[in-house]
Amino acid sequence: MDAFLFYTKIVTKVLFLAPSIAFMVIYVWSRRNPNMHISFLGLFTFSAPYLPWVILIMGYLFNHDLTTDLLGAVAGHAYYFLEDAYPLISNRRLLKTPGFLKNLMDGRDQPIVDAHQQQEVQQQAQQEVQQQQPVQNVLNEDDLDQQQ
């Protein structure tokens, strides 16, 4: 980490990494929405995966320093690969939010249940409800017999 900060401060003269983070968000969004079409300044239309590169070209045409944008593209590509592409290949997630941090942000002391586990719990609850309904109908028929 210190080596990265040293590199960004001394070699690239980037003291503030907010533009890189913004470009990283653009890169990740564009990779996750490949079918989205974008009209750039009303001049031409292209699909979302090309957005970071169009922004880079426009920056180059306006003589903008591309270092921060390229750092953002590299960080965005690393994040996209580790979060979206690699889990599909290996069935493992390398970037996981720690459970204690999830609990801290959710403001509750209960363990976090992922979507798959939550779906299983809901299915079990529905099955229990379905199993109890015929029993209630039988009781209601017995009550009717006793009343007659």
Protein backbone atom coordinates (compact mmCIF):
# COMPACT_ATOMS: atom_id res chain seq x y z
CA MET A 1 0.00 0.00 0.00
CA ASP A 2 2.81 2.40 0.86
CA ALA A 3 4.49 1.58 -2.44
CA PHE A 4 1.28 2.44 -4.34
CA LEU A 5 0.90 5.75 -2.51
CA PHE A 6 4.56 6.53 -3.11
CA TYR A 7 4.10 5.76 -6.81
CA THR A 8 1.00 7.91 -7.18
CA LYS A 9 2.51 10.82 -5.28
CA ILE A 10 6.03 10.93 -6.70
CA VAL A 11 5.86 9.47 -10.20
CA THR A 12 2.43 10.55 -11.39
CA LYS A 13 2.07 13.67 -9.25
CA VAL A 14 -1.46 12.58 -8.32
CA LEU A 15 -2.18 13.85 -4.85
CA PHE A 16 -5.94 13.37 -4.88
CA LEU A 17 -7.42 10.07 -6.10
CA ALA A 18 -11.11 11.07 -6.30
CA PRO A 19 -11.06 11.34 -10.13
CA SER A 20 -9.60 7.83 -10.28
CA ILE A 21 -12.35 6.48 -8.03
CA ALA A 22 -15.00 8.20 -10.15
CA PHE A 23 -13.51 6.69 -13.30
CA MET A 24 -13.41 3.30 -11.59
CA VAL A 25 -17.15 3.54 -10.87
CA ILE A 26 -17.80 4.46 -14.51
CA TYR A 27 -15.70 1.51 -15.68
CA VAL A 28 -17.46 -1.01 -13.41
CA TRP A 29 -20.91 0.34 -14.31
CA SER A 30 -20.13 0.15 -18.00
CA ARG A 31 -18.97 -3.47 -17.72
CA ARG A 32 -22.05 -4.50 -15.71
CA ASN A 33 -24.47 -2.89 -18.20
CA PRO A 34 -23.23 -4.03 -21.62
CA ASN A 35 -26.60 -3.66 -23.38
CA MET A 36 -27.16 -0.04 -22.37
CA HIS A 37 -26.88 2.49 -25.22
CA ILE A 38 -25.47 5.94 -24.53
CA SER A 39 -25.68 9.11 -26.58
CA PHE A 40 -22.54 11.19 -26.06
CA LEU A 41 -23.27 14.93 -26.38
CA GLY A 42 -25.97 14.05 -28.88
CA LEU A 43 -23.28 13.42 -31.50
CA PHE A 44 -23.07 9.63 -31.58
CA THR A 45 -24.48 6.59 -29.83
CA PHE A 46 -22.51 3.63 -28.51
CA SER A 47 -22.95 0.80 -26.04
CA ALA A 48 -21.93 1.17 -22.39
CA PRO A 49 -18.69 -0.88 -22.43
CA TYR A 50 -17.14 1.79 -24.65
CA LEU A 51 -17.95 4.69 -22.28
CA PRO A 52 -14.62 4.71 -20.38
CA TRP A 53 -12.70 4.70 -23.64
CA VAL A 54 -14.81 7.51 -25.12
CA ILE A 55 -14.14 9.56 -21.99
CA LEU A 56 -10.41 8.84 -22.31
CA ILE A 57 -10.40 9.92 -25.97
CA MET A 58 -12.31 13.11 -25.14
CA GLY A 59 -9.84 13.83 -22.35
CA TYR A 60 -6.95 13.32 -24.74
CA LEU A 61 -8.55 15.66 -27.31
CA PHE A 62 -8.91 18.35 -24.64
CA ASN A 63 -5.29 17.83 -23.50
CA HIS A 64 -6.33 16.40 -20.11
CA ASP A 65 -3.82 14.40 -18.04
CA LEU A 66 -4.96 10.79 -18.52
CA THR A 67 -2.98 9.37 -15.59
CA THR A 68 -5.83 9.56 -13.08
CA ASP A 69 -8.31 8.09 -15.55
CA LEU A 70 -5.98 5.23 -16.43
CA LEU A 71 -5.41 4.48 -12.73
CA GLY A 72 -9.20 4.36 -12.33
CA ALA A 73 -9.55 2.03 -15.33
CA VAL A 74 -6.92 -0.34 -13.92
CA ALA A 75 -8.56 -0.33 -10.48
CA GLY A 76 -12.02 -0.77 -12.04
CA HIS A 77 -10.86 -3.66 -14.18
CA ALA A 78 -9.26 -5.37 -11.17
CA TYR A 79 -12.44 -4.92 -9.13
CA TYR A 80 -14.71 -6.09 -11.97
CA PHE A 81 -12.58 -9.17 -12.56
CA LEU A 82 -12.35 -10.14 -8.87
CA GLU A 83 -15.99 -9.39 -8.07
CA ASP A 84 -17.84 -10.46 -11.23
CA ALA A 85 -15.71 -12.51 -13.63
CA TYR A 86 -13.54 -14.67 -11.33
CA PRO A 87 -16.44 -16.04 -9.21
CA LEU A 88 -18.12 -17.30 -12.39
CA ILE A 89 -14.97 -19.18 -13.37
CA SER A 90 -13.96 -20.62 -10.00
CA ASN A 91 -17.16 -20.48 -7.86
CA ARG A 92 -15.15 -18.57 -5.22
CA ARG A 93 -15.35 -14.92 -4.22
CA LEU A 94 -12.07 -13.33 -3.27
CA LEU A 95 -13.60 -9.99 -2.30
CA LYS A 96 -15.94 -10.60 0.61
CA THR A 97 -17.23 -8.06 3.05
CA PRO A 98 -16.38 -9.27 6.56
CA GLY A 99 -19.40 -10.33 8.60
CA PHE A 100 -18.62 -7.99 11.49
CA LEU A 101 -18.62 -5.04 9.07
CA LYS A 102 -21.97 -6.10 7.61
CA ASN A 103 -23.39 -6.36 11.12
CA LEU A 104 -21.98 -2.96 12.00
CA MET A 105 -23.50 -1.32 8.93
CA ASP A 106 -26.85 -3.08 9.27
CA GLY A 107 -27.13 -2.07 12.91
CA ARG A 108 -28.24 -5.48 14.12
CA ASP A 109 -26.66 -8.26 16.13
CA GLN A 110 -28.12 -11.14 14.13
CA PRO A 111 -25.90 -13.09 11.76
CA ILE A 112 -26.16 -12.13 8.12
CA VAL A 113 -27.98 -14.62 5.92
CA ASP A 114 -27.08 -14.58 2.25
CA ALA A 115 -29.76 -14.57 -0.47
CA HIS A 116 -29.59 -18.33 -1.07
CA GLN A 117 -30.05 -19.15 2.62
CA GLN A 118 -32.85 -16.61 2.89
CA GLN A 119 -34.61 -18.22 -0.06
CA GLU A 120 -34.33 -21.66 1.56
CA VAL A 121 -35.78 -20.34 4.83
CA GLN A 122 -38.71 -18.78 2.96
CA GLN A 123 -39.39 -22.02 1.09
CA GLN A 124 -39.34 -24.01 4.36
CA ALA A 125 -41.75 -21.54 5.94
CA GLN A 126 -44.11 -21.83 2.96
CA GLN A 127 -43.99 -25.64 3.14
CA GLU A 128 -44.83 -25.54 6.85
CA VAL A 129 -47.78 -23.25 6.19
CA GLN A 130 -49.02 -25.53 3.39
CA GLN A 131 -48.74 -28.58 5.65
CA GLN A 132 -50.72 -26.88 8.43
CA GLN A 133 -53.59 -25.74 6.20
CA PRO A 134 -55.12 -29.22 5.55
CA VAL A 135 -55.02 -29.95 9.29
CA GLN A 136 -57.00 -26.79 9.98
CA ASN A 137 -59.57 -27.77 7.35
CA VAL A 138 -60.01 -31.19 8.98
CA LEU A 139 -60.51 -29.57 12.37
CA ASN A 140 -63.10 -27.26 10.94
CA GLU A 141 -65.04 -30.22 9.47
CA ASP A 142 -64.90 -32.04 12.83
CA ASP A 143 -66.23 -28.98 14.59
CA LEU A 144 -69.11 -28.86 12.11
CA ASP A 145 -69.93 -32.55 12.77
CA GLN A 146 -70.00 -31.95 16.53
CA GLN A 147 -72.30 -28.98 16.16
CA GLN A 148 -74.81 -30.97 14.12
